């Protein structure tokens, strides 16, 4: 369970860093948020990997969740367009990560979203 909490923290920190990057375009002070967010994200991702999450699983979940959350927050905070096509793309990314991670031939190796 701890490893998944670390991964969720890494996702949240990465999303914060990315949203801060967009905010820094208009307000450079947000550059601090970019640096802090990414430092925390990579630290927590490394700790999650150290707890035994396979790198393919960790990175797949991290990337898919990050894309989905950043797109959603971009629409909410910055008024960016989130079209039906974009939503379908996000769902496809999430489904693809799930399919890749559960497609392991050996059920003993397929450790997808198990605590």
N, C-alpha and C. Protein backbone atom coordinates (compact mmCIF):
# COMPACT_ATOMS: atom_id res chain seq x y z
N UNK A 1 0.83 -1.20 0.00
CA UNK A 1 0.00 0.00 0.00
C UNK A 1 0.87 1.26 0.00
N UNK A 2 1.97 1.21 0.75
CA UNK A 2 2.85 2.38 0.84
C UNK A 2 3.39 2.78 -0.52
N UNK A 3 3.74 1.79 -1.33
CA UNK A 3 4.31 2.09 -2.64
C UNK A 3 3.31 2.81 -3.54
N UNK A 4 2.03 2.46 -3.43
CA UNK A 4 1.02 3.13 -4.24
C UNK A 4 0.75 4.54 -3.74
N UNK A 5 0.86 4.76 -2.44
CA UNK A 5 0.73 6.12 -1.91
C UNK A 5 1.90 6.99 -2.39
N UNK A 6 3.09 6.40 -2.42
CA UNK A 6 4.25 7.14 -2.94
C UNK A 6 4.05 7.48 -4.40
N UNK A 7 3.53 6.53 -5.18
CA UNK A 7 3.28 6.80 -6.60
C UNK A 7 2.21 7.86 -6.78
N UNK A 8 1.15 7.82 -5.98
CA UNK A 8 0.11 8.85 -6.07
C UNK A 8 0.68 10.22 -5.72
N UNK A 9 1.56 10.27 -4.71
CA UNK A 9 2.22 11.53 -4.37
C UNK A 9 3.08 12.03 -5.51
N UNK A 10 3.78 11.10 -6.19
CA UNK A 10 4.61 11.48 -7.33
C UNK A 10 3.76 12.05 -8.46
N UNK A 11 2.61 11.45 -8.68
CA UNK A 11 1.70 11.94 -9.73
C UNK A 11 1.21 13.33 -9.39
N UNK A 12 0.77 13.52 -8.16
CA UNK A 12 0.26 14.84 -7.75
C UNK A 12 1.35 15.90 -7.87
N UNK A 13 2.57 15.57 -7.43
CA UNK A 13 3.67 16.54 -7.51
C UNK A 13 4.03 16.86 -8.96
N UNK A 14 4.01 15.84 -9.83
CA UNK A 14 4.32 16.07 -11.24
C UNK A 14 3.25 16.93 -11.90
N UNK A 15 2.01 16.68 -11.57
CA UNK A 15 0.91 17.49 -12.12
C UNK A 15 1.04 18.93 -11.62
N UNK A 16 1.37 19.10 -10.36
CA UNK A 16 1.59 20.45 -9.82
C UNK A 16 2.72 21.14 -10.58
N UNK A 17 3.83 20.43 -10.80
CA UNK A 17 4.95 21.02 -11.52
C UNK A 17 4.59 21.40 -12.95
N UNK A 18 3.80 20.56 -13.61
CA UNK A 18 3.42 20.84 -14.99
C UNK A 18 2.43 22.00 -15.08
N UNK A 19 1.46 22.04 -14.18
CA UNK A 19 0.52 23.16 -14.15
C UNK A 19 1.26 24.45 -13.80
N UNK A 20 2.23 24.35 -12.90
CA UNK A 20 3.05 25.51 -12.55
C UNK A 20 3.85 25.99 -13.76
N UNK A 21 4.30 25.05 -14.58
CA UNK A 21 5.03 25.42 -15.80
C UNK A 21 4.16 26.26 -16.72
N UNK A 22 2.91 25.86 -16.85
CA UNK A 22 1.97 26.65 -17.68
C UNK A 22 1.72 28.01 -17.04
N UNK A 23 1.57 28.04 -15.72
CA UNK A 23 1.33 29.31 -15.02
C UNK A 23 2.55 30.23 -15.11
N UNK A 24 3.75 29.64 -15.16
CA UNK A 24 4.98 30.44 -15.22
C UNK A 24 5.11 31.20 -16.53
N UNK A 25 4.38 30.77 -17.55
CA UNK A 25 4.40 31.51 -18.82
C UNK A 25 3.92 32.94 -18.60
N UNK A 26 2.89 33.10 -17.78
CA UNK A 26 2.33 34.42 -17.50
C UNK A 26 2.89 35.06 -16.24
N UNK A 27 3.29 34.24 -15.28
CA UNK A 27 3.79 34.74 -13.98
C UNK A 27 5.05 33.95 -13.60
N UNK A 28 6.22 34.48 -13.92
CA UNK A 28 7.47 33.74 -13.73
C UNK A 28 7.72 33.21 -12.32
N UNK A 29 7.07 33.77 -11.32
CA UNK A 29 7.28 33.29 -9.95
C UNK A 29 6.86 31.82 -9.82
N UNK A 30 5.98 31.35 -10.70
CA UNK A 30 5.54 29.95 -10.67
C UNK A 30 6.67 29.00 -11.06
N UNK A 31 7.78 29.52 -11.54
CA UNK A 31 8.93 28.67 -11.86
C UNK A 31 9.41 27.92 -10.61
N UNK A 32 9.21 28.52 -9.47
CA UNK A 32 9.56 27.85 -8.20
C UNK A 32 8.72 26.59 -8.05
N UNK A 33 7.44 26.68 -8.38
CA UNK A 33 6.56 25.52 -8.32
C UNK A 33 6.98 24.42 -9.27
N UNK A 34 7.50 24.81 -10.42
CA UNK A 34 7.98 23.83 -11.39
C UNK A 34 9.13 23.03 -10.79
N UNK A 35 10.10 23.73 -10.25
CA UNK A 35 11.28 23.08 -9.68
C UNK A 35 10.91 22.19 -8.50
N UNK A 36 10.15 22.74 -7.58
CA UNK A 36 9.74 21.98 -6.39
C UNK A 36 8.88 20.78 -6.78
N UNK A 37 7.91 20.99 -7.65
CA UNK A 37 7.02 19.91 -8.06
C UNK A 37 7.77 18.76 -8.70
N UNK A 38 8.66 19.07 -9.62
CA UNK A 38 9.39 18.00 -10.30
C UNK A 38 10.40 17.32 -9.38
N UNK A 39 11.05 18.07 -8.50
CA UNK A 39 11.97 17.44 -7.55
C UNK A 39 11.23 16.44 -6.65
N UNK A 40 10.11 16.86 -6.13
CA UNK A 40 9.32 15.97 -5.26
C UNK A 40 8.79 14.78 -6.07
N UNK A 41 8.33 15.05 -7.29
CA UNK A 41 7.79 13.97 -8.13
C UNK A 41 8.83 12.88 -8.37
N UNK A 42 10.02 13.27 -8.77
CA UNK A 42 11.04 12.26 -9.06
C UNK A 42 11.54 11.57 -7.80
N UNK A 43 11.59 12.29 -6.69
CA UNK A 43 11.98 11.68 -5.42
C UNK A 43 10.97 10.60 -5.02
N UNK A 44 9.68 10.96 -5.08
CA UNK A 44 8.64 10.00 -4.70
C UNK A 44 8.55 8.84 -5.69
N UNK A 45 8.75 9.12 -6.97
CA UNK A 45 8.75 8.04 -7.95
C UNK A 45 9.89 7.06 -7.67
N UNK A 46 11.05 7.59 -7.35
CA UNK A 46 12.18 6.74 -7.01
C UNK A 46 11.91 5.90 -5.76
N UNK A 47 11.28 6.50 -4.77
CA UNK A 47 10.93 5.76 -3.55
C UNK A 47 9.91 4.67 -3.85
N UNK A 48 8.94 4.97 -4.72
CA UNK A 48 7.94 3.96 -5.09
C UNK A 48 8.62 2.79 -5.81
N UNK A 49 9.56 3.09 -6.69
CA UNK A 49 10.30 2.03 -7.37
C UNK A 49 11.10 1.21 -6.36
N UNK A 50 11.67 1.89 -5.38
CA UNK A 50 12.42 1.21 -4.33
C UNK A 50 11.55 0.30 -3.47
N UNK A 51 10.27 0.57 -3.43
CA UNK A 51 9.32 -0.25 -2.67
C UNK A 51 8.86 -1.47 -3.48
N UNK A 52 9.29 -1.58 -4.73
CA UNK A 52 9.01 -2.77 -5.50
C UNK A 52 8.03 -2.64 -6.64
N UNK A 53 7.56 -1.45 -6.95
CA UNK A 53 6.70 -1.32 -8.12
C UNK A 53 7.58 -1.45 -9.36
N UNK A 54 7.23 -2.33 -10.29
CA UNK A 54 8.02 -2.45 -11.52
C UNK A 54 8.01 -1.12 -12.29
N UNK A 55 9.12 -0.79 -12.92
CA UNK A 55 9.25 0.51 -13.57
C UNK A 55 8.21 0.71 -14.67
N UNK A 56 7.89 -0.34 -15.42
CA UNK A 56 6.89 -0.21 -16.48
C UNK A 56 5.51 0.13 -15.93
N UNK A 57 5.17 -0.49 -14.82
CA UNK A 57 3.88 -0.21 -14.18
C UNK A 57 3.88 1.21 -13.62
N UNK A 58 4.93 1.55 -12.87
CA UNK A 58 5.00 2.87 -12.25
C UNK A 58 4.96 3.98 -13.29
N UNK A 59 5.78 3.85 -14.33
CA UNK A 59 5.84 4.90 -15.33
C UNK A 59 4.54 4.98 -16.13
N UNK A 60 3.97 3.83 -16.45
CA UNK A 60 2.72 3.83 -17.20
C UNK A 60 1.59 4.51 -16.44
N UNK A 61 1.44 4.16 -15.18
CA UNK A 61 0.39 4.76 -14.36
C UNK A 61 0.68 6.24 -14.16
N UNK A 62 1.94 6.58 -13.89
CA UNK A 62 2.35 7.96 -13.65
C UNK A 62 2.06 8.82 -14.89
N UNK A 63 2.46 8.33 -16.04
CA UNK A 63 2.27 9.10 -17.28
C UNK A 63 0.80 9.24 -17.64
N UNK A 64 0.05 8.16 -17.58
CA UNK A 64 -1.37 8.21 -17.96
C UNK A 64 -2.16 9.11 -17.01
N UNK A 65 -1.94 8.96 -15.73
CA UNK A 65 -2.65 9.80 -14.76
C UNK A 65 -2.24 11.26 -14.93
N UNK A 66 -0.95 11.49 -15.18
CA UNK A 66 -0.47 12.85 -15.38
C UNK A 66 -1.11 13.52 -16.58
N UNK A 67 -1.17 12.81 -17.69
CA UNK A 67 -1.78 13.37 -18.91
C UNK A 67 -3.24 13.72 -18.66
N UNK A 68 -3.97 12.79 -18.05
CA UNK A 68 -5.39 13.01 -17.81
C UNK A 68 -5.61 14.20 -16.86
N UNK A 69 -4.88 14.24 -15.77
CA UNK A 69 -5.08 15.32 -14.80
C UNK A 69 -4.64 16.67 -15.33
N UNK A 70 -3.52 16.72 -16.05
CA UNK A 70 -3.05 17.99 -16.60
C UNK A 70 -4.03 18.52 -17.64
N UNK A 71 -4.55 17.63 -18.47
CA UNK A 71 -5.53 18.08 -19.48
C UNK A 71 -6.79 18.62 -18.80
N UNK A 72 -7.26 17.93 -17.78
CA UNK A 72 -8.45 18.38 -17.05
C UNK A 72 -8.19 19.71 -16.34
N UNK A 73 -7.07 19.82 -15.65
CA UNK A 73 -6.75 21.07 -14.95
C UNK A 73 -6.47 22.21 -15.92
N UNK A 74 -5.88 21.90 -17.08
CA UNK A 74 -5.66 22.93 -18.08
C UNK A 74 -6.98 23.53 -18.55
N UNK A 75 -7.99 22.69 -18.68
CA UNK A 75 -9.31 23.18 -19.08
C UNK A 75 -9.95 23.99 -17.96
N UNK A 76 -9.83 23.52 -16.75
CA UNK A 76 -10.47 24.19 -15.61
C UNK A 76 -9.77 25.50 -15.25
N UNK A 77 -8.45 25.45 -15.12
CA UNK A 77 -7.70 26.61 -14.63
C UNK A 77 -7.40 27.62 -15.73
N UNK A 78 -7.00 27.13 -16.90
CA UNK A 78 -6.52 28.03 -17.95
C UNK A 78 -7.50 28.19 -19.11
N UNK A 79 -8.65 27.55 -19.01
CA UNK A 79 -9.65 27.67 -20.06
C UNK A 79 -9.24 27.04 -21.38
N UNK A 80 -8.32 26.07 -21.32
CA UNK A 80 -7.88 25.39 -22.54
C UNK A 80 -8.98 24.45 -23.02
N UNK A 81 -8.99 24.20 -24.30
CA UNK A 81 -10.01 23.36 -24.90
C UNK A 81 -9.80 21.89 -24.55
N UNK A 82 -10.87 21.26 -24.14
CA UNK A 82 -10.86 19.82 -23.89
C UNK A 82 -12.00 19.23 -24.71
N UNK A 83 -11.71 18.93 -25.96
CA UNK A 83 -12.72 18.45 -26.91
C UNK A 83 -13.08 17.00 -26.64
N UNK A 84 -14.12 16.57 -27.30
CA UNK A 84 -14.52 15.16 -27.20
C UNK A 84 -13.38 14.27 -27.71
N UNK A 85 -12.73 14.69 -28.77
CA UNK A 85 -11.60 13.93 -29.31
C UNK A 85 -10.48 13.82 -28.28
N UNK A 86 -10.19 14.91 -27.59
CA UNK A 86 -9.16 14.89 -26.56
C UNK A 86 -9.54 13.94 -25.41
N UNK A 87 -10.79 13.97 -25.03
CA UNK A 87 -11.27 13.09 -23.96
C UNK A 87 -11.14 11.63 -24.39
N UNK A 88 -11.51 11.33 -25.63
CA UNK A 88 -11.37 9.97 -26.15
C UNK A 88 -9.89 9.56 -26.13
N UNK A 89 -9.01 10.48 -26.49
CA UNK A 89 -7.58 10.21 -26.47
C UNK A 89 -7.07 9.91 -25.07
N UNK A 90 -7.53 10.66 -24.10
CA UNK A 90 -7.11 10.43 -22.71
C UNK A 90 -7.60 9.07 -22.23
N UNK A 91 -8.84 8.75 -22.52
CA UNK A 91 -9.38 7.44 -22.14
C UNK A 91 -8.60 6.32 -22.83
N UNK A 92 -8.22 6.54 -24.08
CA UNK A 92 -7.44 5.55 -24.82
C UNK A 92 -6.07 5.34 -24.19
N UNK A 93 -5.43 6.42 -23.78
CA UNK A 93 -4.12 6.32 -23.10
C UNK A 93 -4.25 5.50 -21.83
N UNK A 94 -5.25 5.82 -21.02
CA UNK A 94 -5.45 5.10 -19.76
C UNK A 94 -5.75 3.62 -20.03
N UNK A 95 -6.61 3.36 -21.00
CA UNK A 95 -6.94 1.98 -21.34
C UNK A 95 -5.70 1.25 -21.87
N UNK A 96 -4.91 1.93 -22.68
CA UNK A 96 -3.70 1.32 -23.22
C UNK A 96 -2.71 0.93 -22.14
N UNK A 97 -2.51 1.81 -21.16
CA UNK A 97 -1.61 1.49 -20.05
C UNK A 97 -2.14 0.29 -19.29
N UNK A 98 -3.42 0.27 -19.04
CA UNK A 98 -4.02 -0.87 -18.33
C UNK A 98 -3.83 -2.17 -19.11
N UNK A 99 -4.08 -2.12 -20.41
CA UNK A 99 -3.96 -3.32 -21.24
C UNK A 99 -2.51 -3.81 -21.28
N UNK A 100 -1.59 -2.90 -21.46
CA UNK A 100 -0.17 -3.28 -21.50
C UNK A 100 0.24 -3.92 -20.18
N UNK A 101 -0.16 -3.34 -19.08
CA UNK A 101 0.27 -3.83 -17.77
C UNK A 101 -0.41 -5.14 -17.38
N UNK A 102 -1.62 -5.38 -17.86
CA UNK A 102 -2.31 -6.64 -17.52
C UNK A 102 -2.05 -7.71 -18.57
N UNK A 103 -1.37 -7.38 -19.64
CA UNK A 103 -1.11 -8.33 -20.71
C UNK A 103 0.08 -9.22 -20.47
N UNK A 104 0.62 -9.21 -19.29
CA UNK A 104 1.77 -10.04 -18.93
C UNK A 104 1.39 -11.52 -19.08
N UNK A 105 2.26 -12.31 -19.71
CA UNK A 105 2.01 -13.74 -19.92
C UNK A 105 1.96 -14.52 -18.60
N UNK A 106 2.84 -14.19 -17.68
CA UNK A 106 2.93 -14.90 -16.41
C UNK A 106 2.12 -14.15 -15.36
N UNK A 107 0.99 -14.72 -14.89
CA UNK A 107 0.16 -14.01 -13.91
C UNK A 107 0.92 -13.63 -12.64
N UNK A 108 1.98 -14.40 -12.31
CA UNK A 108 2.77 -14.08 -11.13
C UNK A 108 3.54 -12.76 -11.30
N UNK A 109 3.83 -12.40 -12.57
CA UNK A 109 4.59 -11.17 -12.83
C UNK A 109 3.67 -9.97 -13.03
N UNK A 110 2.43 -10.20 -13.34
CA UNK A 110 1.49 -9.11 -13.63
C UNK A 110 1.01 -8.51 -12.31
N UNK A 111 1.75 -7.53 -11.82
CA UNK A 111 1.45 -6.91 -10.53
C UNK A 111 0.82 -5.54 -10.78
N UNK A 112 -0.35 -5.53 -11.35
CA UNK A 112 -0.98 -4.28 -11.71
C UNK A 112 -1.95 -3.85 -10.63
N UNK A 113 -1.72 -2.68 -10.08
CA UNK A 113 -2.60 -2.05 -9.13
C UNK A 113 -3.00 -2.96 -7.97
N UNK A 114 -2.06 -3.79 -7.53
CA UNK A 114 -2.31 -4.60 -6.35
C UNK A 114 -1.54 -3.99 -5.20
N UNK A 115 -2.16 -3.90 -4.05
CA UNK A 115 -1.46 -3.32 -2.89
C UNK A 115 -0.32 -4.16 -2.41
